[in-house]
Amino acid sequence: MKTADLSELIGLAALWGASFLFMRLGAAEFGPVALAAVRVGGAALVLLPLLRWRGQFGELRRHWRSIFVVGITNSAVPFLCFSYAALSITAGLSSIFNASTPLFAAVIGWWWLKDRPSGPRIAGLAIGFAGVLGLAWEKASFKPGGSGWAIVACLAAALMYGLSANYTKRRLQGVAPLAVAAGSQLSAALVLALPALWWWPQVMPSAHAWAMVALLAVLCTGVAYLMYFRLIAHVGPANAITVTFLIPAFAVLWGWLFLAEPLTAAMAVGCAVILLGTALATGVLGPSRFAKLKQ
């Protein structure tokens, strides 16, 4: 990987890690539904003009039904879930559960697309999910004011991301990535528009909250999508997906710097186990990777 590509990968991880911080800072005033709606609406305003400039609106029109599904499964529902979780758990903890996304994607691909994983990848799935369950068991509490439902929401979001990845692979192979990105944000905005009006906060959010959500929409969603798809074009999807391993580090760092959020021993161990399992399940670690390194 070239130095420029590696720098962009780190920058993307920093942006996506910051998204958990911005959700924490905006969720209390906006509420989960309005926050998610403003996020996707702002991202659509960033991406749609670029789609027009590149002359790819035809791709969006031809594949709008499948792109609409991706908008629901990859943006509307997960963003809503993480916005809800931001009300009661730390940015770092949300990002660690988000790191389980490749595990869900591998299981769904195995079941739906018959993409049977190798022995080391199956072991990785077992290790990764053990880490998820262990961390959830240690942190979840379903008592009033507890974090149980927030953790369930994070895992539901990761499940939806995994489903969306496989749906995209099956239905949108070869479609311009920018058309999928812009169309999915527009679709999510349309889906969330009426619920956001219904659950719009009675007290207008402060200028600070608006600034946080604007950064979330423009930088962490619109710009981050562009960086991600450019990385896929430059280094391939297998290398681009390694951004997953860096996001929790940045989310924990931003949470510690700006919100004084602690990193507990249970979080550190759970994160390490989840990332180890994810690395094995996605082939980042394993016999084939080591064989390539020896060549």
C-alpha atoms as a PDB file:
ATOM      1  CA  MET A   1       0.000   0.000   0.000  1.00  0.00           C
ATOM      2  CA  LYS A   2       1.386   3.415  -0.970  1.00  0.00           C
ATOM      3  CA  THR A   3       2.034   6.055   1.670  1.00  0.00           C
ATOM      4  CA  ALA A   4      -0.753   8.259   0.281  1.00  0.00           C
ATOM      5  CA  ASP A   5      -3.252   5.387   0.446  1.00  0.00           C
ATOM      6  CA  LEU A   6      -2.180   4.476   3.969  1.00  0.00           C
ATOM      7  CA  SER A   7      -2.593   8.112   5.039  1.00  0.00           C
ATOM      8  CA  GLU A   8      -6.073   8.177   3.543  1.00  0.00           C
ATOM      9  CA  LEU A   9      -6.957   4.921   5.313  1.00  0.00           C
ATOM     10  CA  ILE A  10      -5.904   6.414   8.657  1.00  0.00           C
ATOM     11  CA  GLY A  11      -7.791   9.628   7.883  1.00  0.00           C
ATOM     12  CA  LEU A  12     -10.930   7.651   7.076  1.00  0.00           C
ATOM     13  CA  ALA A  13     -10.650   5.730  10.350  1.00  0.00           C
ATOM     14  CA  ALA A  14     -10.262   9.019  12.213  1.00  0.00           C
ATOM     15  CA  LEU A  15     -13.421  10.394  10.556  1.00  0.00           C
ATOM     16  CA  TRP A  16     -15.520   7.297  11.181  1.00  0.00           C
ATOM     17  CA  GLY A  17     -14.204   7.116  14.742  1.00  0.00           C
ATOM     18  CA  ALA A  18     -15.251  10.743  15.211  1.00  0.00           C
ATOM     19  CA  SER A  19     -18.794   9.911  14.058  1.00  0.00           C
ATOM     20  CA  PHE A  20     -19.413   8.179  17.413  1.00  0.00           C
ATOM     21  CA  LEU A  21     -18.210  11.294  19.228  1.00  0.00           C
ATOM     22  CA  PHE A  22     -20.470  13.602  17.201  1.00  0.00           C
ATOM     23  CA  MET A  23     -23.457  11.320  17.793  1.00  0.00           C
ATOM     24  CA  ARG A  24     -22.810  11.483  21.539  1.00  0.00           C
ATOM     25  CA  LEU A  25     -22.669  15.274  21.363  1.00  0.00           C
ATOM     26  CA  GLY A  26     -25.824  15.654  19.266  1.00  0.00           C
ATOM     27  CA  ALA A  27     -28.133  12.835  20.333  1.00  0.00           C
ATOM     28  CA  ALA A  28     -29.371  14.351  23.581  1.00  0.00           C
ATOM     29  CA  GLU A  29     -30.698  17.522  21.938  1.00  0.00           C
ATOM     30  CA  PHE A  30     -31.853  16.084  18.612  1.00  0.00           C
ATOM     31  CA  GLY A  31     -33.060  12.666  19.688  1.00  0.00           C
ATOM     32  CA  PRO A  32     -32.172   9.522  17.702  1.00  0.00           C
ATOM     33  CA  VAL A  33     -34.629   9.932  14.816  1.00  0.00           C
ATOM     34  CA  ALA A  34     -33.983  13.599  14.025  1.00  0.00           C
ATOM     35  CA  LEU A  35     -30.231  13.078  14.392  1.00  0.00           C
ATOM     36  CA  ALA A  36     -30.185  10.197  11.912  1.00  0.00           C
ATOM     37  CA  ALA A  37     -32.416  12.108   9.478  1.00  0.00           C
ATOM     38  CA  VAL A  38     -30.265  15.244   9.495  1.00  0.00           C
ATOM     39  CA  ARG A  39     -27.161  13.094   9.080  1.00  0.00           C
ATOM     40  CA  VAL A  40     -28.336  11.330   5.928  1.00  0.00           C
ATOM     41  CA  GLY A  41     -29.957  14.467   4.541  1.00  0.00           C
ATOM     42  CA  GLY A  42     -26.716  16.415   4.877  1.00  0.00           C
ATOM     43  CA  ALA A  43     -24.701  13.576   3.331  1.00  0.00           C
ATOM     44  CA  ALA A  44     -27.096  13.441   0.370  1.00  0.00           C
ATOM     45  CA  LEU A  45     -26.589  17.178  -0.199  1.00  0.00           C
ATOM     46  CA  VAL A  46     -22.829  16.540  -0.384  1.00  0.00           C
ATOM     47  CA  LEU A  47     -22.955  13.485  -2.657  1.00  0.00           C
ATOM     48  CA  LEU A  48     -25.776  14.216  -5.119  1.00  0.00           C
ATOM     49  CA  PRO A  49     -24.126  17.260  -6.783  1.00  0.00           C
ATOM     50  CA  LEU A  50     -20.969  15.210  -7.241  1.00  0.00           C
ATOM     51  CA  LEU A  51     -23.025  12.400  -8.783  1.00  0.00           C
ATOM     52  CA  ARG A  52     -24.544  14.910 -11.209  1.00  0.00           C
ATOM     53  CA  TRP A  53     -21.124  16.362 -12.023  1.00  0.00           C
ATOM     54  CA  ARG A  54     -19.798  12.888 -12.888  1.00  0.00           C
ATOM     55  CA  GLY A  55     -22.810  12.156 -15.067  1.00  0.00           C
ATOM     56  CA  GLN A  56     -23.824   9.037 -13.131  1.00  0.00           C
ATOM     57  CA  PHE A  57     -27.463   9.838 -12.394  1.00  0.00           C
ATOM     58  CA  GLY A  58     -28.428   7.214 -14.974  1.00  0.00           C
ATOM     59  CA  GLU A  59     -26.941   4.523 -12.722  1.00  0.00           C
ATOM     60  CA  LEU A  60     -29.122   5.725  -9.864  1.00  0.00           C
ATOM     61  CA  ARG A  61     -32.272   5.690 -12.008  1.00  0.00           C
ATOM     62  CA  ARG A  62     -31.596   2.193 -13.377  1.00  0.00           C
ATOM     63  CA  HIS A  63     -30.934   0.602  -9.998  1.00  0.00           C
ATOM     64  CA  TRP A  64     -33.039   2.744  -7.690  1.00  0.00           C
ATOM     65  CA  ARG A  65     -35.006  -0.142  -6.157  1.00  0.00           C
ATOM     66  CA  SER A  66     -31.910  -2.021  -4.981  1.00  0.00           C
ATOM     67  CA  ILE A  67     -30.210   1.209  -3.917  1.00  0.00           C
ATOM     68  CA  PHE A  68     -33.313   2.095  -1.897  1.00  0.00           C
ATOM     69  CA  VAL A  69     -32.961  -1.173   0.028  1.00  0.00           C
ATOM     70  CA  VAL A  70     -29.300  -0.370   0.692  1.00  0.00           C
ATOM     71  CA  GLY A  71     -30.346   3.056   1.938  1.00  0.00           C
ATOM     72  CA  ILE A  72     -32.561   1.422   4.559  1.00  0.00           C
ATOM     73  CA  THR A  73     -30.183  -1.357   5.602  1.00  0.00           C
ATOM     74  CA  ASN A  74     -26.877   0.506   5.380  1.00  0.00           C
ATOM     75  CA  SER A  75     -27.875   3.986   6.558  1.00  0.00           C
ATOM     76  CA  ALA A  76     -31.400   4.630   7.874  1.00  0.00           C
ATOM     77  CA  VAL A  77     -31.669   1.751  10.351  1.00  0.00           C
ATOM     78  CA  PRO A  78     -28.002   1.540  11.493  1.00  0.00           C
ATOM     79  CA  PHE A  79     -27.672   5.301  11.940  1.00  0.00           C
ATOM     80  CA  LEU A  80     -30.900   5.310  13.936  1.00  0.00           C
ATOM     81  CA  CYS A  81     -29.627   2.454  16.119  1.00  0.00           C
ATOM     82  CA  PHE A  82     -26.275   4.084  16.824  1.00  0.00           C
ATOM     83  CA  SER A  83     -27.945   7.435  17.512  1.00  0.00           C
ATOM     84  CA  TYR A  84     -30.151   5.712  20.081  1.00  0.00           C
ATOM     85  CA  ALA A  85     -27.143   3.968  21.624  1.00  0.00           C
ATOM     86  CA  ALA A  86     -25.306   7.297  21.886  1.00  0.00           C
ATOM     87  CA  LEU A  87     -27.819   8.389  24.512  1.00  0.00           C
ATOM     88  CA  SER A  88     -26.536   5.921  27.083  1.00  0.00           C
ATOM     89  CA  ILE A  89     -23.178   4.298  26.180  1.00  0.00           C
ATOM     90  CA  THR A  90     -19.774   5.727  25.340  1.00  0.00           C
ATOM     91  CA  ALA A  91     -18.480   6.444  21.856  1.00  0.00           C
ATOM     92  CA  GLY A  92     -15.715   3.897  22.357  1.00  0.00           C
ATOM     93  CA  LEU A  93     -18.054   1.087  23.371  1.00  0.00           C
ATOM     94  CA  SER A  94     -20.380   1.748  20.412  1.00  0.00           C
ATOM     95  CA  SER A  95     -17.426   1.624  18.019  1.00  0.00           C
ATOM     96  CA  ILE A  96     -16.198  -1.674  19.456  1.00  0.00           C
ATOM     97  CA  PHE A  97     -19.566  -3.303  18.782  1.00  0.00           C
ATOM     98  CA  ASN A  98     -19.526  -1.720  15.327  1.00  0.00           C
ATOM     99  CA  ALA A  99     -16.263  -3.589  14.697  1.00  0.00           C
ATOM    100  CA  SER A 100     -18.256  -6.841  14.695  1.00  0.00           C
ATOM    101  CA  THR A 101     -19.811  -5.877  11.337  1.00  0.00           C
ATOM    102  CA  PRO A 102     -17.481  -8.118   9.254  1.00  0.00           C
ATOM    103  CA  LEU A 103     -18.429 -11.061  11.477  1.00  0.00           C
ATOM    104  CA  PHE A 104     -22.125 -10.611  10.692  1.00  0.00           C
ATOM    105  CA  ALA A 105     -21.293 -10.086   7.020  1.00  0.00           C
ATOM    106  CA  ALA A 106     -19.357 -13.369   6.916  1.00  0.00           C
ATOM    107  CA  VAL A 107     -22.153 -15.357   8.599  1.00  0.00           C
ATOM    108  CA  ILE A 108     -24.840 -13.887   6.321  1.00  0.00           C
ATOM    109  CA  GLY A 109     -22.665 -14.496   3.255  1.00  0.00           C
ATOM    110  CA  TRP A 110     -22.197 -18.105   4.353  1.00  0.00           C
ATOM    111  CA  TRP A 111     -25.944 -18.612   4.849  1.00  0.00           C
ATOM    112  CA  TRP A 112     -27.312 -16.536   1.961  1.00  0.00           C
ATOM    113  CA  LEU A 113     -24.647 -16.514  -0.752  1.00  0.00           C
ATOM    114  CA  LYS A 114     -23.247 -19.963   0.116  1.00  0.00           C
ATOM    115  CA  ASP A 115     -19.831 -18.356   0.543  1.00  0.00           C
ATOM    116  CA  ARG A 116     -18.454 -21.067   2.808  1.00  0.00           C
ATOM    117  CA  PRO A 117     -15.516 -19.834   4.909  1.00  0.00           C
ATOM    118  CA  SER A 118     -12.337 -21.837   5.445  1.00  0.00           C
ATOM    119  CA  GLY A 119     -11.410 -23.450   8.743  1.00  0.00           C
ATOM    120  CA  PRO A 120      -9.377 -20.477  10.034  1.00  0.00           C
ATOM    121  CA  ARG A 121     -12.197 -18.111   9.110  1.00  0.00           C
ATOM    122  CA  ILE A 122     -14.747 -20.235  10.968  1.00  0.00           C
ATOM    123  CA  ALA A 123     -12.434 -20.136  13.979  1.00  0.00           C
ATOM    124  CA  GLY A 124     -12.265 -16.366  13.566  1.00  0.00           C
ATOM    125  CA  LEU A 125     -16.046 -16.124  13.611  1.00  0.00           C
ATOM    126  CA  ALA A 126     -16.197 -18.148  16.816  1.00  0.00           C
ATOM    127  CA  ILE A 127     -13.506 -16.021  18.483  1.00  0.00           C
ATOM    128  CA  GLY A 128     -15.056 -12.752  17.323  1.00  0.00           C
ATOM    129  CA  PHE A 129     -18.556 -13.563  18.475  1.00  0.00           C
ATOM    130  CA  ALA A 130     -17.183 -14.830  21.784  1.00  0.00           C
ATOM    131  CA  GLY A 131     -15.642 -11.401  22.256  1.00  0.00           C
ATOM    132  CA  VAL A 132     -18.932  -9.699  21.375  1.00  0.00           C
ATOM    133  CA  LEU A 133     -20.936 -11.849  23.771  1.00  0.00           C
ATOM    134  CA  GLY A 134     -18.381 -11.487  26.548  1.00  0.00           C
ATOM    135  CA  LEU A 135     -18.295  -7.710  26.296  1.00  0.00           C
ATOM    136  CA  ALA A 136     -22.085  -7.461  25.989  1.00  0.00           C
ATOM    137  CA  TRP A 137     -22.530  -9.727  29.021  1.00  0.00           C
ATOM    138  CA  GLU A 138     -20.144  -7.581  31.069  1.00  0.00           C
ATOM    139  CA  LYS A 139     -21.641  -4.229  30.025  1.00  0.00           C
ATOM    140  CA  ALA A 140     -25.350  -4.887  29.422  1.00  0.00           C
ATOM    141  CA  SER A 141     -27.910  -4.043  32.062  1.00  0.00           C
ATOM    142  CA  PHE A 142     -31.632  -4.010  31.334  1.00  0.00           C
ATOM    143  CA  LYS A 143     -32.533  -2.220  34.547  1.00  0.00           C
ATOM    144  CA  PRO A 144     -33.998   1.292  34.211  1.00  0.00           C
ATOM    145  CA  GLY A 145     -31.261   3.577  32.902  1.00  0.00           C
ATOM    146  CA  GLY A 146     -29.066   0.602  31.957  1.00  0.00           C
ATOM    147  CA  SER A 147     -27.141   0.072  28.758  1.00  0.00           C
ATOM    148  CA  GLY A 148     -28.735  -3.203  27.658  1.00  0.00           C
ATOM    149  CA  TRP A 149     -30.984  -1.896  24.901  1.00  0.00           C
ATOM    150  CA  ALA A 150     -28.259   0.431  23.635  1.00  0.00           C
ATOM    151  CA  ILE A 151     -25.966  -2.569  23.176  1.00  0.00           C
ATOM    152  CA  VAL A 152     -28.754  -4.475  21.424  1.00  0.00           C
ATOM    153  CA  ALA A 153     -29.156  -1.468  19.111  1.00  0.00           C
ATOM    154  CA  CYS A 154     -25.429  -1.467  18.283  1.00  0.00           C
ATOM    155  CA  LEU A 155     -25.480  -5.168  17.454  1.00  0.00           C
ATOM    156  CA  ALA A 156     -28.639  -4.688  15.358  1.00  0.00           C
ATOM    157  CA  ALA A 157     -26.824  -1.956  13.431  1.00  0.00           C
ATOM    158  CA  ALA A 158     -23.818  -4.221  12.831  1.00  0.00           C
ATOM    159  CA  LEU A 159     -26.179  -6.974  11.659  1.00  0.00           C
ATOM    160  CA  MET A 160     -27.825  -4.567   9.194  1.00  0.00           C
ATOM    161  CA  TYR A 161     -24.443  -3.477   7.870  1.00  0.00           C
ATOM    162  CA  GLY A 162     -23.533  -7.124   7.307  1.00  0.00           C
ATOM    163  CA  LEU A 163     -26.826  -7.778   5.537  1.00  0.00           C
ATOM    164  CA  SER A 164     -26.391  -4.693   3.372  1.00  0.00           C
ATOM    165  CA  ALA A 165     -22.865  -5.676   2.339  1.00  0.00           C
ATOM    166  CA  ASN A 166     -24.091  -9.032   1.054  1.00  0.00           C
ATOM    167  CA  TYR A 167     -27.159  -7.520  -0.605  1.00  0.00           C
ATOM    168  CA  THR A 168     -24.927  -5.013  -2.396  1.00  0.00           C
ATOM    169  CA  LYS A 169     -22.633  -7.810  -3.537  1.00  0.00           C
ATOM    170  CA  ARG A 170     -25.592  -9.763  -4.913  1.00  0.00           C
ATOM    171  CA  ARG A 171     -27.711  -6.995  -6.452  1.00  0.00           C
ATOM    172  CA  LEU A 172     -25.396  -4.062  -7.202  1.00  0.00           C
ATOM    173  CA  GLN A 173     -22.244  -5.688  -8.533  1.00  0.00           C
ATOM    174  CA  GLY A 174     -20.645  -3.364 -11.068  1.00  0.00           C
ATOM    175  CA  VAL A 175     -22.839  -0.347 -10.268  1.00  0.00           C
ATOM    176  CA  ALA A 176     -20.921   2.920  -9.829  1.00  0.00           C
ATOM    177  CA  PRO A 177     -20.024   3.179  -6.113  1.00  0.00           C
ATOM    178  CA  LEU A 178     -20.854   6.880  -6.021  1.00  0.00           C
ATOM    179  CA  ALA A 179     -24.359   6.140  -7.321  1.00  0.00           C
ATOM    180  CA  VAL A 180     -24.858   3.633  -4.500  1.00  0.00           C
ATOM    181  CA  ALA A 181     -23.466   6.039  -1.894  1.00  0.00           C
ATOM    182  CA  ALA A 182     -25.468   9.089  -3.013  1.00  0.00           C
ATOM    183  CA  GLY A 183     -28.640   7.133  -3.753  1.00  0.00           C
ATOM    184  CA  SER A 184     -28.553   5.291  -0.452  1.00  0.00           C
ATOM    185  CA  GLN A 185     -28.236   8.547   1.497  1.00  0.00           C
ATOM    186  CA  LEU A 186     -31.098  10.095  -0.466  1.00  0.00           C
ATOM    187  CA  SER A 187     -33.217   6.983   0.133  1.00  0.00           C
ATOM    188  CA  ALA A 188     -32.463   7.013   3.849  1.00  0.00           C
ATOM    189  CA  ALA A 189     -33.368  10.712   4.015  1.00  0.00           C
ATOM    190  CA  LEU A 190     -36.726  10.029   2.371  1.00  0.00           C
ATOM    191  CA  VAL A 191     -37.445   7.125   4.734  1.00  0.00           C
ATOM    192  CA  LEU A 192     -36.591   9.148   7.838  1.00  0.00           C
ATOM    193  CA  ALA A 193     -38.196  12.452   6.798  1.00  0.00           C
ATOM    194  CA  LEU A 194     -41.695  11.860   8.210  1.00  0.00           C
ATOM    195  CA  PRO A 195     -40.524  10.094  11.407  1.00  0.00           C
ATOM    196  CA  ALA A 196     -38.103  12.990  11.989  1.00  0.00           C
ATOM    197  CA  LEU A 197     -40.897  15.530  11.669  1.00  0.00           C
ATOM    198  CA  TRP A 198     -43.012  13.499  14.089  1.00  0.00           C
ATOM    199  CA  TRP A 199     -40.187  13.159  16.647  1.00  0.00           C
ATOM    200  CA  TRP A 200     -38.559  16.529  16.041  1.00  0.00           C
ATOM    201  CA  PRO A 201     -37.338  17.972  19.370  1.00  0.00           C
ATOM    202  CA  GLN A 202     -39.746  20.374  21.005  1.00  0.00           C
ATOM    203  CA  VAL A 203     -36.855  22.634  21.995  1.00  0.00           C
ATOM    204  CA  MET A 204     -34.713  23.735  19.059  1.00  0.00           C
ATOM    205  CA  PRO A 205     -31.226  22.214  19.364  1.00  0.00           C
ATOM    206  CA  SER A 206     -28.419  24.605  20.211  1.00  0.00           C
ATOM    207  CA  ALA A 207     -25.924  25.966  17.691  1.00  0.00           C
ATOM    208  CA  HIS A 208     -23.304  23.628  19.172  1.00  0.00           C
ATOM    209  CA  ALA A 209     -25.513  20.567  18.581  1.00  0.00           C
ATOM    210  CA  TRP A 210     -26.207  21.705  15.010  1.00  0.00           C
ATOM    211  CA  ALA A 211     -22.474  22.093  14.414  1.00  0.00           C
ATOM    212  CA  MET A 212     -21.818  18.565  15.695  1.00  0.00           C
ATOM    213  CA  VAL A 213     -24.504  17.071  13.446  1.00  0.00           C
ATOM    214  CA  ALA A 214     -23.265  19.088  10.462  1.00  0.00           C
ATOM    215  CA  LEU A 215     -19.785  17.648  10.965  1.00  0.00           C
ATOM    216  CA  LEU A 216     -21.323  14.196  11.309  1.00  0.00           C
ATOM    217  CA  ALA A 217     -23.246  14.577   8.045  1.00  0.00           C
ATOM    218  CA  VAL A 218     -20.672  16.338   5.886  1.00  0.00           C
ATOM    219  CA  LEU A 219     -17.363  14.903   7.096  1.00  0.00           C
ATOM    220  CA  CYS A 220     -18.159  11.562   8.719  1.00  0.00           C
ATOM    221  CA  THR A 221     -20.744  10.494   6.139  1.00  0.00           C
ATOM    222  CA  GLY A 222     -20.461  12.435   2.862  1.00  0.00           C
ATOM    223  CA  VAL A 223     -16.688  12.963   2.679  1.00  0.00           C
ATOM    224  CA  ALA A 224     -15.952   9.622   4.371  1.00  0.00           C
ATOM    225  CA  TYR A 225     -17.946   7.746   1.715  1.00  0.00           C
ATOM    226  CA  LEU A 226     -15.896   9.415  -1.014  1.00  0.00           C
ATOM    227  CA  MET A 227     -12.647   8.464   0.721  1.00  0.00           C
ATOM    228  CA  TYR A 228     -13.803   4.887   1.242  1.00  0.00           C
ATOM    229  CA  PHE A 229     -14.778   4.298  -2.368  1.00  0.00           C
ATOM    230  CA  ARG A 230     -11.570   5.939  -3.579  1.00  0.00           C
ATOM    231  CA  LEU A 231      -9.611   3.534  -1.361  1.00  0.00           C
ATOM    232  CA  ILE A 232     -11.504   0.594  -2.832  1.00  0.00           C
ATOM    233  CA  ALA A 233     -10.506   1.806  -6.305  1.00  0.00           C
ATOM    234  CA  HIS A 234      -6.854   2.275  -5.325  1.00  0.00           C
ATOM    235  CA  VAL A 235      -6.088  -0.654  -3.014  1.00  0.00           C
ATOM    236  CA  GLY A 236      -9.065  -3.030  -3.418  1.00  0.00           C
ATOM    237  CA  PRO A 237     -11.927  -3.913  -1.038  1.00  0.00           C
ATOM    238  CA  ALA A 238      -9.905  -6.413   1.013  1.00  0.00           C
ATOM    239  CA  ASN A 239      -7.390  -3.745   1.995  1.00  0.00           C
ATOM    240  CA  ALA A 240      -9.977  -0.979   2.354  1.00  0.00           C
ATOM    241  CA  ILE A 241     -12.002  -3.027   4.864  1.00  0.00           C
ATOM    242  CA  THR A 242      -9.017  -2.996   7.250  1.00  0.00           C
ATOM    243  CA  VAL A 243     -10.255   0.455   8.265  1.00  0.00           C
ATOM    244  CA  THR A 244     -12.543  -1.528  10.595  1.00  0.00           C
ATOM    245  CA  PHE A 245      -9.580  -2.313  12.827  1.00  0.00           C
ATOM    246  CA  LEU A 246      -8.608   1.339  13.279  1.00  0.00           C
ATOM    247  CA  ILE A 247     -12.028   2.881  13.990  1.00  0.00           C
ATOM    248  CA  PRO A 248     -12.328   1.766  17.661  1.00  0.00           C
ATOM    249  CA  ALA A 249      -8.892   3.201  18.455  1.00  0.00           C
ATOM    250  CA  PHE A 250      -9.885   6.615  17.148  1.00  0.00           C
ATOM    251  CA  ALA A 251     -13.365   6.493  18.706  1.00  0.00           C
ATOM    252  CA  VAL A 252     -11.869   5.689  22.113  1.00  0.00           C
ATOM    253  CA  LEU A 253      -9.243   8.405  21.638  1.00  0.00           C
ATOM    254  CA  TRP A 254     -11.796  11.089  20.683  1.00  0.00           C
ATOM    255  CA  GLY A 255     -14.095  10.048  23.525  1.00  0.00           C
ATOM    256  CA  TRP A 256     -11.223  10.239  26.010  1.00  0.00           C
ATOM    257  CA  LEU A 257      -9.959  13.603  24.718  1.00  0.00           C
ATOM    258  CA  PHE A 258     -13.267  15.447  24.401  1.00  0.00           C
ATOM    259  CA  LEU A 259     -15.670  13.656  26.763  1.00  0.00           C
ATOM    260  CA  ALA A 260     -13.296  12.154  29.341  1.00  0.00           C
ATOM    261  CA  GLU A 261     -14.685   8.701  28.566  1.00  0.00           C
ATOM    262  CA  PRO A 262     -12.696   5.891  30.222  1.00  0.00           C
ATOM    263  CA  LEU A 263     -11.274   2.810  28.538  1.00  0.00           C
ATOM    264  CA  THR A 264     -11.935  -0.078  30.898  1.00  0.00           C
ATOM    265  CA  ALA A 265     -10.002  -3.340  30.992  1.00  0.00           C
ATOM    266  CA  ALA A 266     -13.128  -5.227  29.834  1.00  0.00           C
ATOM    267  CA  MET A 267     -13.457  -2.924  26.813  1.00  0.00           C
ATOM    268  CA  ALA A 268      -9.788  -3.343  25.887  1.00  0.00           C
ATOM    269  CA  VAL A 269      -9.912  -7.146  26.151  1.00  0.00           C
ATOM    270  CA  GLY A 270     -13.262  -7.395  24.370  1.00  0.00           C
ATOM    271  CA  CYS A 271     -12.059  -5.134  21.578  1.00  0.00           C
ATOM    272  CA  ALA A 272      -8.863  -7.170  21.134  1.00  0.00           C
ATOM    273  CA  VAL A 273     -10.791 -10.459  20.949  1.00  0.00           C
ATOM    274  CA  ILE A 274     -13.351  -9.059  18.494  1.00  0.00           C
ATOM    275  CA  LEU A 275     -10.652  -7.618  16.225  1.00  0.00           C
ATOM    276  CA  LEU A 276      -8.630 -10.845  16.332  1.00  0.00           C
ATOM    277  CA  GLY A 277     -11.695 -12.822  15.323  1.00  0.00           C
ATOM    278  CA  THR A 278     -12.550 -10.292  12.621  1.00  0.00           C
ATOM    279  CA  ALA A 279      -9.003 -10.435  11.239  1.00  0.00           C
ATOM    280  CA  LEU A 280      -9.238 -14.225  10.945  1.00  0.00           C
ATOM    281  CA  ALA A 281     -12.808 -14.194   9.599  1.00  0.00           C
ATOM    282  CA  THR A 282     -11.974 -11.675   6.866  1.00  0.00           C
ATOM    283  CA  GLY A 283      -8.668 -13.287   5.898  1.00  0.00           C
ATOM    284  CA  VAL A 284      -6.518 -10.388   7.097  1.00  0.00           C
ATOM    285  CA  LEU A 285      -4.781 -12.999   9.263  1.00  0.00           C
ATOM    286  CA  GLY A 286      -4.441 -16.618   8.276  1.00  0.00           C
ATOM    287  CA  PRO A 287      -2.322 -19.082   6.306  1.00  0.00           C
ATOM    288  CA  SER A 288      -2.956 -17.413   2.922  1.00  0.00           C
ATOM    289  CA  ARG A 289      -1.902 -14.007   4.242  1.00  0.00           C
ATOM    290  CA  PHE A 290       1.272 -15.390   5.799  1.00  0.00           C
ATOM    291  CA  ALA A 291       2.062 -17.263   2.567  1.00  0.00           C
ATOM    292  CA  LYS A 292       1.848 -13.987   0.625  1.00  0.00           C
ATOM    293  CA  LEU A 293       4.103 -12.241   3.116  1.00  0.00           C
ATOM    294  CA  LYS A 294       6.791 -14.951   2.661  1.00  0.00           C
ATOM    295  CA  GLN A 295       6.824 -14.569  -1.118  1.00  0.00           C
END
